PDB file of all heavy atoms in Angstrom:
ATOM      1  N   TYR A   1     -11.620 -10.825   6.986  1.00  0.00           N
ATOM      2  CA  TYR A   1     -11.721  -9.475   7.551  1.00  0.00           C
ATOM      3  C   TYR A   1     -11.360  -9.472   9.041  1.00  0.00           C
ATOM      4  O   TYR A   1     -10.604  -8.609   9.506  1.00  0.00           O
ATOM      5  CB  TYR A   1     -13.150  -8.981   7.338  1.00  0.00           C
ATOM      6  CG  TYR A   1     -13.423  -7.574   7.832  1.00  0.00           C
ATOM      7  CD1 TYR A   1     -12.655  -6.486   7.426  1.00  0.00           C
ATOM      8  CD2 TYR A   1     -14.507  -7.323   8.691  1.00  0.00           C
ATOM      9  CE1 TYR A   1     -12.928  -5.201   7.855  1.00  0.00           C
ATOM     10  CE2 TYR A   1     -14.793  -6.040   9.119  1.00  0.00           C
ATOM     11  CZ  TYR A   1     -14.000  -4.988   8.709  1.00  0.00           C
ATOM     12  OH  TYR A   1     -14.281  -3.712   9.138  1.00  0.00           O
ATOM     13  N   LYS A   2     -11.896 -10.468   9.776  1.00  0.00           N
ATOM     14  CA  LYS A   2     -11.600 -10.567  11.209  1.00  0.00           C
ATOM     15  C   LYS A   2     -10.105 -10.777  11.447  1.00  0.00           C
ATOM     16  O   LYS A   2      -9.522 -10.177  12.360  1.00  0.00           O
ATOM     17  CB  LYS A   2     -12.388 -11.730  11.829  1.00  0.00           C
ATOM     18  CG  LYS A   2     -13.831 -11.385  12.167  1.00  0.00           C
ATOM     19  CD  LYS A   2     -14.521 -12.512  12.897  1.00  0.00           C
ATOM     20  CE  LYS A   2     -13.998 -12.670  14.308  1.00  0.00           C
ATOM     21  NZ  LYS A   2     -14.758 -13.702  15.064  1.00  0.00           N
ATOM     22  N   ASN A   3      -9.473 -11.622  10.636  1.00  0.00           N
ATOM     23  CA  ASN A   3      -8.031 -11.872  10.780  1.00  0.00           C
ATOM     24  C   ASN A   3      -7.230 -10.597  10.530  1.00  0.00           C
ATOM     25  O   ASN A   3      -6.222 -10.340  11.207  1.00  0.00           O
ATOM     26  CB  ASN A   3      -7.594 -12.967   9.806  1.00  0.00           C
ATOM     27  CG  ASN A   3      -8.087 -14.344  10.211  1.00  0.00           C
ATOM     28  OD1 ASN A   3      -8.364 -14.589  11.394  1.00  0.00           O
ATOM     29  ND2 ASN A   3      -8.193 -15.249   9.261  1.00  0.00           N
ATOM     30  N   MET A   4      -7.684  -9.798   9.579  1.00  0.00           N
ATOM     31  CA  MET A   4      -6.995  -8.539   9.304  1.00  0.00           C
ATOM     32  C   MET A   4      -7.136  -7.572  10.477  1.00  0.00           C
ATOM     33  O   MET A   4      -6.166  -6.909  10.867  1.00  0.00           O
ATOM     34  CB  MET A   4      -7.543  -7.908   8.020  1.00  0.00           C
ATOM     35  CG  MET A   4      -7.172  -8.657   6.757  1.00  0.00           C
ATOM     36  SD  MET A   4      -7.918  -7.946   5.262  1.00  0.00           S
ATOM     37  CE  MET A   4      -6.945  -6.455   5.084  1.00  0.00           C
ATOM     38  N   LEU A   5      -8.333  -7.493  11.059  1.00  0.00           N
ATOM     39  CA  LEU A   5      -8.551  -6.611  12.213  1.00  0.00           C
ATOM     40  C   LEU A   5      -7.714  -7.054  13.413  1.00  0.00           C
ATOM     41  O   LEU A   5      -7.126  -6.223  14.124  1.00  0.00           O
ATOM     42  CB  LEU A   5     -10.035  -6.601  12.593  1.00  0.00           C
ATOM     43  CG  LEU A   5     -10.995  -5.949  11.590  1.00  0.00           C
ATOM     44  CD1 LEU A   5     -12.435  -6.081  12.070  1.00  0.00           C
ATOM     45  CD2 LEU A   5     -10.648  -4.467  11.380  1.00  0.00           C
ATOM     46  N   GLU A   6      -7.657  -8.376  13.617  1.00  0.00           N
ATOM     47  CA  GLU A   6      -6.824  -8.900  14.716  1.00  0.00           C
ATOM     48  C   GLU A   6      -5.353  -8.621  14.454  1.00  0.00           C
ATOM     49  O   GLU A   6      -4.592  -8.311  15.390  1.00  0.00           O
ATOM     50  CB  GLU A   6      -7.065 -10.402  14.863  1.00  0.00           C
ATOM     51  CG  GLU A   6      -8.448 -10.739  15.415  1.00  0.00           C
ATOM     52  CD  GLU A   6      -8.767 -12.225  15.336  1.00  0.00           C
ATOM     53  OE1 GLU A   6      -7.880 -13.000  14.885  1.00  0.00           O
ATOM     54  OE2 GLU A   6      -9.895 -12.617  15.716  1.00  0.00           O
ATOM     55  N   GLY A   7      -4.940  -8.726  13.187  1.00  0.00           N
ATOM     56  CA  GLY A   7      -3.548  -8.430  12.835  1.00  0.00           C
ATOM     57  C   GLY A   7      -3.196  -6.973  13.101  1.00  0.00           C
ATOM     58  O   GLY A   7      -2.090  -6.657  13.566  1.00  0.00           O
ATOM     59  N   ILE A   8      -4.125  -6.074  12.846  1.00  0.00           N
ATOM     60  CA  ILE A   8      -3.915  -4.646  13.105  1.00  0.00           C
ATOM     61  C   ILE A   8      -3.760  -4.399  14.603  1.00  0.00           C
ATOM     62  O   ILE A   8      -2.867  -3.656  15.037  1.00  0.00           O
ATOM     63  CB  ILE A   8      -5.086  -3.821  12.527  1.00  0.00           C
ATOM     64  CG1 ILE A   8      -4.999  -3.801  10.994  1.00  0.00           C
ATOM     65  CG2 ILE A   8      -5.082  -2.394  13.074  1.00  0.00           C
ATOM     66  CD1 ILE A   8      -6.189  -3.158  10.316  1.00  0.00           C
ATOM     67  N   THR A   9      -4.621  -5.040  15.395  1.00  0.00           N
ATOM     68  CA  THR A   9      -4.545  -4.887  16.855  1.00  0.00           C
ATOM     69  C   THR A   9      -3.200  -5.386  17.383  1.00  0.00           C
ATOM     70  O   THR A   9      -2.548  -4.726  18.211  1.00  0.00           O
ATOM     71  CB  THR A   9      -5.687  -5.674  17.529  1.00  0.00           C
ATOM     72  OG1 THR A   9      -6.938  -5.174  17.049  1.00  0.00           O
ATOM     73  CG2 THR A   9      -5.626  -5.521  19.042  1.00  0.00           C
ATOM     74  N   GLU A  10      -2.763  -6.544  16.914  1.00  0.00           N
ATOM     75  CA  GLU A  10      -1.480  -7.112  17.359  1.00  0.00           C
ATOM     76  C   GLU A  10      -0.307  -6.229  16.945  1.00  0.00           C
ATOM     77  O   GLU A  10       0.627  -6.022  17.730  1.00  0.00           O
ATOM     78  CB  GLU A  10      -1.321  -8.515  16.786  1.00  0.00           C
ATOM     79  CG  GLU A  10      -2.275  -9.541  17.371  1.00  0.00           C
ATOM     80  CD  GLU A  10      -2.206 -10.877  16.652  1.00  0.00           C
ATOM     81  OE1 GLU A  10      -1.351 -11.007  15.744  1.00  0.00           O
ATOM     82  OE2 GLU A  10      -3.004 -11.770  16.990  1.00  0.00           O
ATOM     83  N   ALA A  11      -0.350  -5.718  15.719  1.00  0.00           N
ATOM     84  CA  ALA A  11       0.749  -4.857  15.245  1.00  0.00           C
ATOM     85  C   ALA A  11       0.826  -3.576  16.071  1.00  0.00           C
ATOM     86  O   ALA A  11       1.920  -3.100  16.410  1.00  0.00           O
ATOM     87  CB  ALA A  11       0.543  -4.531  13.768  1.00  0.00           C
ATOM     88  N   LYS A  12      -0.322  -3.007  16.441  1.00  0.00           N
ATOM     89  CA  LYS A  12      -0.344  -1.803  17.269  1.00  0.00           C
ATOM     90  C   LYS A  12       0.202  -2.084  18.665  1.00  0.00           C
ATOM     91  O   LYS A  12       0.925  -1.251  19.253  1.00  0.00           O
ATOM     92  CB  LYS A  12      -1.762  -1.252  17.369  1.00  0.00           C
ATOM     93  CG  LYS A  12      -2.249  -0.566  16.089  1.00  0.00           C
ATOM     94  CD  LYS A  12      -3.666  -0.036  16.255  1.00  0.00           C
ATOM     95  CE  LYS A  12      -4.126   0.719  15.018  1.00  0.00           C
ATOM     96  NZ  LYS A  12      -5.514   1.225  15.148  1.00  0.00           N
ATOM     97  N   GLU A  13      -0.121  -3.249  19.216  1.00  0.00           N
ATOM     98  CA  GLU A  13       0.385  -3.623  20.537  1.00  0.00           C
ATOM     99  C   GLU A  13       1.913  -3.760  20.530  1.00  0.00           C
ATOM    100  O   GLU A  13       2.590  -3.349  21.471  1.00  0.00           O
ATOM    101  CB  GLU A  13      -0.253  -4.933  20.989  1.00  0.00           C
ATOM    102  CG  GLU A  13      -1.730  -4.796  21.362  1.00  0.00           C
ATOM    103  CD  GLU A  13      -2.358  -6.135  21.694  1.00  0.00           C
ATOM    104  OE1 GLU A  13      -1.674  -7.179  21.526  1.00  0.00           O
ATOM    105  OE2 GLU A  13      -3.548  -6.146  22.107  1.00  0.00           O
ATOM    106  N   ILE A  14       2.430  -4.352  19.434  1.00  0.00           N
ATOM    107  CA  ILE A  14       3.891  -4.492  19.321  1.00  0.00           C
ATOM    108  C   ILE A  14       4.557  -3.123  19.268  1.00  0.00           C
ATOM    109  O   ILE A  14       5.591  -2.886  19.928  1.00  0.00           O
ATOM    110  CB  ILE A  14       4.246  -5.329  18.071  1.00  0.00           C
ATOM    111  CG1 ILE A  14       3.816  -6.782  18.254  1.00  0.00           C
ATOM    112  CG2 ILE A  14       5.749  -5.240  17.770  1.00  0.00           C
ATOM    113  CD1 ILE A  14       3.963  -7.640  17.022  1.00  0.00           C
ATOM    114  N   LEU A  15       3.960  -2.199  18.506  1.00  0.00           N
ATOM    115  CA  LEU A  15       4.541  -0.857  18.393  1.00  0.00           C
ATOM    116  C   LEU A  15       4.506  -0.109  19.730  1.00  0.00           C
ATOM    117  O   LEU A  15       5.380   0.721  20.015  1.00  0.00           O
ATOM    118  CB  LEU A  15       3.787  -0.055  17.332  1.00  0.00           C
ATOM    119  CG  LEU A  15       4.043  -0.462  15.871  1.00  0.00           C
ATOM    120  CD1 LEU A  15       3.104   0.277  14.934  1.00  0.00           C
ATOM    121  CD2 LEU A  15       5.493  -0.189  15.490  1.00  0.00           C
ATOM    122  N   GLU A  16       3.509  -0.411  20.537  1.00  0.00           N
ATOM    123  CA  GLU A  16       3.392   0.255  21.839  1.00  0.00           C
ATOM    124  C   GLU A  16       4.346  -0.337  22.879  1.00  0.00           C
ATOM    125  O   GLU A  16       4.856   0.386  23.744  1.00  0.00           O
ATOM    126  CB  GLU A  16       1.949   0.143  22.354  1.00  0.00           C
ATOM    127  CG  GLU A  16       0.953   1.010  21.590  1.00  0.00           C
ATOM    128  CD  GLU A  16      -0.479   0.792  22.073  1.00  0.00           C
ATOM    129  OE1 GLU A  16      -0.656  -0.004  23.022  1.00  0.00           O
ATOM    130  OE2 GLU A  16      -1.405   1.388  21.503  1.00  0.00           O
ATOM    131  N   GLU A  17       4.609  -1.642  22.782  1.00  0.00           N
ATOM    132  CA  GLU A  17       5.341  -2.328  23.853  1.00  0.00           C
ATOM    133  C   GLU A  17       6.773  -2.723  23.473  1.00  0.00           C
ATOM    134  O   GLU A  17       7.644  -2.807  24.341  1.00  0.00           O
ATOM    135  CB  GLU A  17       4.572  -3.592  24.273  1.00  0.00           C
ATOM    136  CG  GLU A  17       3.166  -3.281  24.786  1.00  0.00           C
ATOM    137  CD  GLU A  17       2.334  -4.536  24.977  1.00  0.00           C
ATOM    138  OE1 GLU A  17       2.896  -5.651  24.783  1.00  0.00           O
ATOM    139  OE2 GLU A  17       1.137  -4.419  25.312  1.00  0.00           O
ATOM    140  N   GLU A  18       7.004  -3.006  22.199  1.00  0.00           N
ATOM    141  CA  GLU A  18       8.293  -3.552  21.781  1.00  0.00           C
ATOM    142  C   GLU A  18       9.347  -2.452  21.638  1.00  0.00           C
ATOM    143  O   GLU A  18       9.071  -1.358  21.149  1.00  0.00           O
ATOM    144  CB  GLU A  18       8.132  -4.293  20.445  1.00  0.00           C
ATOM    145  CG  GLU A  18       9.370  -5.017  19.971  1.00  0.00           C
ATOM    146  CD  GLU A  18       9.842  -6.061  20.961  1.00  0.00           C
ATOM    147  OE1 GLU A  18       9.051  -6.967  21.326  1.00  0.00           O
ATOM    148  OE2 GLU A  18      11.010  -5.963  21.382  1.00  0.00           O
ATOM    149  N   LYS A  19      10.573  -2.774  22.099  1.00  0.00           N
ATOM    150  CA  LYS A  19      11.694  -1.821  22.008  1.00  0.00           C
ATOM    151  C   LYS A  19      12.627  -2.151  20.856  1.00  0.00           C
ATOM    152  O   LYS A  19      13.353  -1.276  20.375  1.00  0.00           O
ATOM    153  CB  LYS A  19      12.486  -1.823  23.320  1.00  0.00           C
ATOM    154  CG  LYS A  19      11.638  -1.515  24.566  1.00  0.00           C
ATOM    155  CD  LYS A  19      11.036  -0.143  24.503  1.00  0.00           C
ATOM    156  CE  LYS A  19      10.245   0.171  25.784  1.00  0.00           C
ATOM    157  NZ  LYS A  19       9.546   1.473  25.686  1.00  0.00           N
ATOM    158  N   ASP A  20      12.657  -3.422  20.452  1.00  0.00           N
ATOM    159  CA  ASP A  20      13.573  -3.858  19.396  1.00  0.00           C
ATOM    160  C   ASP A  20      13.232  -3.148  18.077  1.00  0.00           C
ATOM    161  O   ASP A  20      12.117  -3.280  17.579  1.00  0.00           O
ATOM    162  CB  ASP A  20      13.465  -5.379  19.207  1.00  0.00           C
ATOM    163  CG  ASP A  20      14.509  -5.901  18.232  1.00  0.00           C
ATOM    164  OD1 ASP A  20      14.374  -5.605  17.020  1.00  0.00           O
ATOM    165  OD2 ASP A  20      15.448  -6.589  18.672  1.00  0.00           O
ATOM    166  N   PRO A  21      14.184  -2.395  17.488  1.00  0.00           N
ATOM    167  CA  PRO A  21      13.914  -1.621  16.268  1.00  0.00           C
ATOM    168  C   PRO A  21      13.492  -2.495  15.083  1.00  0.00           C
ATOM    169  O   PRO A  21      12.613  -2.107  14.307  1.00  0.00           O
ATOM    170  CB  PRO A  21      15.249  -0.925  15.974  1.00  0.00           C
ATOM    171  CG  PRO A  21      15.976  -0.928  17.267  1.00  0.00           C
ATOM    172  CD  PRO A  21      15.548  -2.168  17.998  1.00  0.00           C
ATOM    173  N   GLU A  22      14.097  -3.696  14.971  1.00  0.00           N
ATOM    174  CA  GLU A  22      13.788  -4.569  13.840  1.00  0.00           C
ATOM    175  C   GLU A  22      12.349  -5.090  13.927  1.00  0.00           C
ATOM    176  O   GLU A  22      11.617  -5.109  12.931  1.00  0.00           O
ATOM    177  CB  GLU A  22      14.767  -5.740  13.807  1.00  0.00           C
ATOM    178  CG  GLU A  22      14.650  -6.578  12.542  1.00  0.00           C
ATOM    179  CD  GLU A  22      15.739  -7.632  12.442  1.00  0.00           C
ATOM    180  OE1 GLU A  22      16.803  -7.472  13.084  1.00  0.00           O
ATOM    181  OE2 GLU A  22      15.520  -8.611  11.717  1.00  0.00           O
ATOM    182  N   LEU A  23      11.948  -5.504  15.141  1.00  0.00           N
ATOM    183  CA  LEU A  23      10.576  -5.986  15.332  1.00  0.00           C
ATOM    184  C   LEU A  23       9.569  -4.858  15.129  1.00  0.00           C
ATOM    185  O   LEU A  23       8.481  -5.064  14.580  1.00  0.00           O
ATOM    186  CB  LEU A  23      10.415  -6.596  16.726  1.00  0.00           C
ATOM    187  CG  LEU A  23      11.095  -7.952  16.957  1.00  0.00           C
ATOM    188  CD1 LEU A  23      10.936  -8.384  18.410  1.00  0.00           C
ATOM    189  CD2 LEU A  23      10.486  -9.012  16.033  1.00  0.00           C
ATOM    190  N   ARG A  24       9.936  -3.654  15.588  1.00  0.00           N
ATOM    191  CA  ARG A  24       9.037  -2.513  15.419  1.00  0.00           C
ATOM    192  C   ARG A  24       8.853  -2.173  13.934  1.00  0.00           C
ATOM    193  O   ARG A  24       7.748  -1.851  13.498  1.00  0.00           O
ATOM    194  CB  ARG A  24       9.600  -1.284  16.162  1.00  0.00           C
ATOM    195  CG  ARG A  24       9.456  -1.365  17.678  1.00  0.00           C
ATOM    196  CD  ARG A  24      10.075  -0.130  18.346  1.00  0.00           C
ATOM    197  NE  ARG A  24       9.429   1.090  17.882  1.00  0.00           N
ATOM    198  CZ  ARG A  24       8.291   1.584  18.364  1.00  0.00           C
ATOM    199  NH1 ARG A  24       7.646   0.937  19.328  1.00  0.00           N
ATOM    200  NH2 ARG A  24       7.777   2.708  17.891  1.00  0.00           N
ATOM    201  N   GLU A  25       9.941  -2.288  13.186  1.00  0.00           N
ATOM    202  CA  GLU A  25       9.871  -2.003  11.753  1.00  0.00           C
ATOM    203  C   GLU A  25       8.988  -3.023  11.034  1.00  0.00           C
ATOM    204  O   GLU A  25       8.186  -2.667  10.160  1.00  0.00           O
ATOM    205  CB  GLU A  25      11.279  -2.022  11.152  1.00  0.00           C
ATOM    206  CG  GLU A  25      11.336  -1.720   9.651  1.00  0.00           C
ATOM    207  CD  GLU A  25      10.781  -0.345   9.292  1.00  0.00           C
ATOM    208  OE1 GLU A  25      10.824   0.573  10.146  1.00  0.00           O
ATOM    209  OE2 GLU A  25      10.304  -0.195   8.154  1.00  0.00           O
ATOM    210  N   MET A  26       9.119  -4.300  11.431  1.00  0.00           N
ATOM    211  CA  MET A  26       8.283  -5.356  10.832  1.00  0.00           C
ATOM    212  C   MET A  26       6.809  -5.125  11.166  1.00  0.00           C
ATOM    213  O   MET A  26       5.930  -5.280  10.309  1.00  0.00           O
ATOM    214  CB  MET A  26       8.731  -6.727  11.347  1.00  0.00           C
ATOM    215  CG  MET A  26      10.082  -7.172  10.795  1.00  0.00           C
ATOM    216  SD  MET A  26      10.644  -8.725  11.538  1.00  0.00           S
ATOM    217  CE  MET A  26       9.354  -9.848  11.037  1.00  0.00           C
ATOM    218  N   ALA A  27       6.551  -4.753  12.413  1.00  0.00           N
ATOM    219  CA  ALA A  27       5.167  -4.499  12.839  1.00  0.00           C
ATOM    220  C   ALA A  27       4.592  -3.297  12.094  1.00  0.00           C
ATOM    221  O   ALA A  27       3.412  -3.298  11.703  1.00  0.00           O
ATOM    222  CB  ALA A  27       5.126  -4.265  14.349  1.00  0.00           C
ATOM    223  N   LYS A  28       5.429  -2.281  11.895  1.00  0.00           N
ATOM    224  CA  LYS A  28       4.985  -1.077  11.183  1.00  0.00           C
ATOM    225  C   LYS A  28       4.620  -1.413   9.728  1.00  0.00           C
ATOM    226  O   LYS A  28       3.585  -0.944   9.202  1.00  0.00           O
ATOM    227  CB  LYS A  28       6.105  -0.034  11.202  1.00  0.00           C
ATOM    228  CG  LYS A  28       5.781   1.269  10.468  1.00  0.00           C
ATOM    229  CD  LYS A  28       4.670   2.042  11.165  1.00  0.00           C
ATOM    230  CE  LYS A  28       4.527   3.454  10.629  1.00  0.00           C
ATOM    231  NZ  LYS A  28       4.140   3.477   9.206  1.00  0.00           N
ATOM    232  N   MET A  29       5.447  -2.242   9.083  1.00  0.00           N
ATOM    233  CA  MET A  29       5.179  -2.641   7.695  1.00  0.00           C
ATOM    234  C   MET A  29       3.884  -3.454   7.601  1.00  0.00           C
ATOM    235  O   MET A  29       3.072  -3.244   6.704  1.00  0.00           O
ATOM    236  CB  MET A  29       6.365  -3.452   7.164  1.00  0.00           C
ATOM    237  CG  MET A  29       7.625  -2.631   6.911  1.00  0.00           C
ATOM    238  SD  MET A  29       9.026  -3.659   6.400  1.00  0.00           S
ATOM    239  CE  MET A  29       8.396  -4.350   4.867  1.00  0.00           C
ATOM    240  N   GLU A  30       3.705  -4.368   8.547  1.00  0.00           N
ATOM    241  CA  GLU A  30       2.505  -5.200   8.548  1.00  0.00           C
ATOM    242  C   GLU A  30       1.263  -4.341   8.800  1.00  0.00           C
ATOM    243  O   GLU A  30       0.219  -4.530   8.163  1.00  0.00           O
ATOM    244  CB  GLU A  30       2.600  -6.290   9.606  1.00  0.00           C
ATOM    245  CG  GLU A  30       1.400  -7.238   9.587  1.00  0.00           C
ATOM    246  CD  GLU A  30       1.527  -8.370  10.587  1.00  0.00           C
ATOM    247  OE1 GLU A  30       2.536  -8.430  11.322  1.00  0.00           O
ATOM    248  OE2 GLU A  30       0.590  -9.189  10.640  1.00  0.00           O
ATOM    249  N   LEU A  31       1.369  -3.382   9.722  1.00  0.00           N
ATOM    250  CA  LEU A  31       0.242  -2.500  10.029  1.00  0.00           C
ATOM    251  C   LEU A  31      -0.159  -1.684   8.809  1.00  0.00           C
ATOM    252  O   LEU A  31      -1.356  -1.571   8.489  1.00  0.00           O
ATOM    253  CB  LEU A  31       0.611  -1.576  11.189  1.00  0.00           C
ATOM    254  CG  LEU A  31      -0.474  -0.569  11.624  1.00  0.00           C
ATOM    255  CD1 LEU A  31      -1.704  -1.309  12.125  1.00  0.00           C
ATOM    256  CD2 LEU A  31       0.076   0.362  12.699  1.00  0.00           C
ATOM    257  N   ASP A  32       0.831  -1.120   8.127  1.00  0.00           N
ATOM    258  CA  ASP A  32       0.536  -0.317   6.932  1.00  0.00           C
ATOM    259  C   ASP A  32      -0.149  -1.163   5.857  1.00  0.00           C
ATOM    260  O   ASP A  32      -1.102  -0.713   5.214  1.00  0.00           O
ATOM    261  CB  ASP A  32       1.829   0.285   6.370  1.00  0.00           C
ATOM    262  CG  ASP A  32       2.409   1.371   7.273  1.00  0.00           C
ATOM    263  OD1 ASP A  32       1.664   1.859   8.146  1.00  0.00           O
ATOM    264  OD2 ASP A  32       3.598   1.710   7.108  1.00  0.00           O
ATOM    265  N   GLU A  33       0.344  -2.385   5.680  1.00  0.00           N
ATOM    266  CA  GLU A  33      -0.210  -3.267   4.652  1.00  0.00           C
ATOM    267  C   GLU A  33      -1.666  -3.643   4.968  1.00  0.00           C
ATOM    268  O   GLU A  33      -2.533  -3.616   4.098  1.00  0.00           O
ATOM    269  CB  GLU A  33       0.651  -4.525   4.529  1.00  0.00           C
ATOM    270  CG  GLU A  33       0.202  -5.454   3.413  1.00  0.00           C
ATOM    271  CD  GLU A  33       1.105  -6.669   3.285  1.00  0.00           C
ATOM    272  OE1 GLU A  33       2.277  -6.616   3.733  1.00  0.00           O
ATOM    273  OE2 GLU A  33       0.631  -7.689   2.740  1.00  0.00           O
ATOM    274  N   LEU A  34      -1.906  -3.969   6.250  1.00  0.00           N
ATOM    275  CA  LEU A  34      -3.252  -4.372   6.649  1.00  0.00           C
ATOM    276  C   LEU A  34      -4.229  -3.195   6.574  1.00  0.00           C
ATOM    277  O   LEU A  34      -5.362  -3.345   6.096  1.00  0.00           O
ATOM    278  CB  LEU A  34      -3.240  -4.940   8.065  1.00  0.00           C
ATOM    279  CG  LEU A  34      -2.583  -6.315   8.233  1.00  0.00           C
ATOM    280  CD1 LEU A  34      -2.406  -6.648   9.713  1.00  0.00           C
ATOM    281  CD2 LEU A  34      -3.428  -7.391   7.544  1.00  0.00           C
ATOM    282  N   GLN A  35      -3.813  -2.029   7.041  1.00  0.00           N
ATOM    283  CA  GLN A  35      -4.692  -0.856   7.000  1.00  0.00           C
ATOM    284  C   GLN A  35      -5.012  -0.443   5.570  1.00  0.00           C
ATOM    285  O   GLN A  35      -6.107   0.047   5.287  1.00  0.00           O
ATOM    286  CB  GLN A  35      -4.048   0.302   7.768  1.00  0.00           C
ATOM    287  CG  GLN A  35      -4.062   0.104   9.275  1.00  0.00           C
ATOM    288  CD  GLN A  35      -3.406   1.248  10.021  1.00  0.00           C
ATOM    289  OE1 GLN A  35      -2.481   1.898   9.513  1.00  0.00           O
ATOM    290  NE2 GLN A  35      -3.866   1.501  11.243  1.00  0.00           N
ATOM    291  N   GLU A  36      -4.057  -0.655   4.673  1.00  0.00           N
ATOM    292  CA  GLU A  36      -4.282  -0.333   3.268  1.00  0.00           C
ATOM    293  C   GLU A  36      -5.320  -1.270   2.638  1.00  0.00           C
ATOM    294  O   GLU A  36      -6.075  -0.877   1.752  1.00  0.00           O
ATOM    295  CB  GLU A  36      -2.955  -0.431   2.500  1.00  0.00           C
ATOM    296  CG  GLU A  36      -3.046   0.048   1.063  1.00  0.00           C
ATOM    297  CD  GLU A  36      -1.708  -0.001   0.347  1.00  0.00           C
ATOM    298  OE1 GLU A  36      -0.663   0.075   1.039  1.00  0.00           O
ATOM    299  OE2 GLU A  36      -1.708  -0.134  -0.888  1.00  0.00           O
ATOM    300  N   GLY A  37      -5.359  -2.524   3.138  1.00  0.00           N
ATOM    301  CA  GLY A  37      -6.271  -3.517   2.566  1.00  0.00           C
ATOM    302  C   GLY A  37      -7.673  -3.486   3.141  1.00  0.00           C
ATOM    303  O   GLY A  37      -8.611  -4.051   2.550  1.00  0.00           O
ATOM    304  N   ILE A  38      -7.855  -2.820   4.302  1.00  0.00           N
ATOM    305  CA  ILE A  38      -9.158  -2.809   4.978  1.00  0.00           C
ATOM    306  C   ILE A  38     -10.271  -2.191   4.132  1.00  0.00           C
ATOM    307  O   ILE A  38     -11.366  -2.778   4.004  1.00  0.00           O
ATOM    308  CB  ILE A  38      -9.053  -2.107   6.351  1.00  0.00           C
ATOM    309  CG1 ILE A  38      -8.364  -3.027   7.361  1.00  0.00           C
ATOM    310  CG2 ILE A  38     -10.423  -1.694   6.865  1.00  0.00           C
ATOM    311  CD1 ILE A  38      -9.181  -4.253   7.744  1.00  0.00           C
ATOM    312  N   PRO A  39     -10.083  -1.002   3.512  1.00  0.00           N
ATOM    313  CA  PRO A  39     -11.183  -0.414   2.728  1.00  0.00           C
ATOM    314  C   PRO A  39     -11.674  -1.324   1.606  1.00  0.00           C
ATOM    315  O   PRO A  39     -12.883  -1.423   1.351  1.00  0.00           O
ATOM    316  CB  PRO A  39     -10.567   0.882   2.169  1.00  0.00           C
ATOM    317  CG  PRO A  39      -9.476   1.217   3.129  1.00  0.00           C
ATOM    318  CD  PRO A  39      -8.915  -0.095   3.560  1.00  0.00           C
ATOM    319  N   GLY A  40     -10.741  -2.018   0.963  1.00  0.00           N
ATOM    320  CA  GLY A  40     -11.114  -2.900  -0.139  1.00  0.00           C
ATOM    321  C   GLY A  40     -11.974  -4.065   0.312  1.00  0.00           C
ATOM    322  O   GLY A  40     -13.008  -4.371  -0.307  1.00  0.00           O
ATOM    323  N   ILE A  41     -11.574  -4.715   1.411  1.00  0.00           N
ATOM    324  CA  ILE A  41     -12.337  -5.872   1.884  1.00  0.00           C
ATOM    325  C   ILE A  41     -13.678  -5.435   2.478  1.00  0.00           C
ATOM    326  O   ILE A  41     -14.674  -6.167   2.408  1.00  0.00           O
ATOM    327  CB  ILE A  41     -11.505  -6.697   2.900  1.00  0.00           C
ATOM    328  CG1 ILE A  41     -12.115  -8.092   3.045  1.00  0.00           C
ATOM    329  CG2 ILE A  41     -11.417  -6.007   4.248  1.00  0.00           C
ATOM    330  CD1 ILE A  41     -11.236  -9.067   3.805  1.00  0.00           C
ATOM    331  N   GLU A  42     -13.729  -4.224   3.038  1.00  0.00           N
ATOM    332  CA  GLU A  42     -15.009  -3.719   3.546  1.00  0.00           C
ATOM    333  C   GLU A  42     -15.995  -3.481   2.410  1.00  0.00           C
ATOM    334  O   GLU A  42     -17.194  -3.760   2.557  1.00  0.00           O
ATOM    335  CB  GLU A  42     -14.781  -2.431   4.340  1.00  0.00           C
ATOM    336  CG  GLU A  42     -14.173  -2.678   5.727  1.00  0.00           C
ATOM    337  CD  GLU A  42     -13.976  -1.414   6.517  1.00  0.00           C
ATOM    338  OE1 GLU A  42     -13.978  -0.322   5.908  1.00  0.00           O
ATOM    339  OE2 GLU A  42     -13.809  -1.512   7.751  1.00  0.00           O
ATOM    340  N   GLU A  43     -15.505  -2.993   1.267  1.00  0.00           N
ATOM    341  CA  GLU A  43     -16.368  -2.799   0.111  1.00  0.00           C
ATOM    342  C   GLU A  43     -16.879  -4.138  -0.417  1.00  0.00           C
ATOM    343  O   GLU A  43     -18.045  -4.269  -0.803  1.00  0.00           O
ATOM    344  CB  GLU A  43     -15.627  -2.048  -1.001  1.00  0.00           C
ATOM    345  CG  GLU A  43     -15.457  -0.561  -0.749  1.00  0.00           C
ATOM    346  CD  GLU A  43     -16.785   0.153  -0.541  1.00  0.00           C
ATOM    347  OE1 GLU A  43     -17.697  -0.012  -1.378  1.00  0.00           O
ATOM    348  OE2 GLU A  43     -16.923   0.857   0.474  1.00  0.00           O
TER     349      GLU A  43
END
């Protein structure tokens, strides 16, 4: 759970700071995947 929360924080930081479209797209995909998995692991 902690690794997922840290991954979400890192992905958000990349989206805020990174200009490269490819890296931003990868970060966006990772963020969506992690946020989708959070409710399940919390349960």
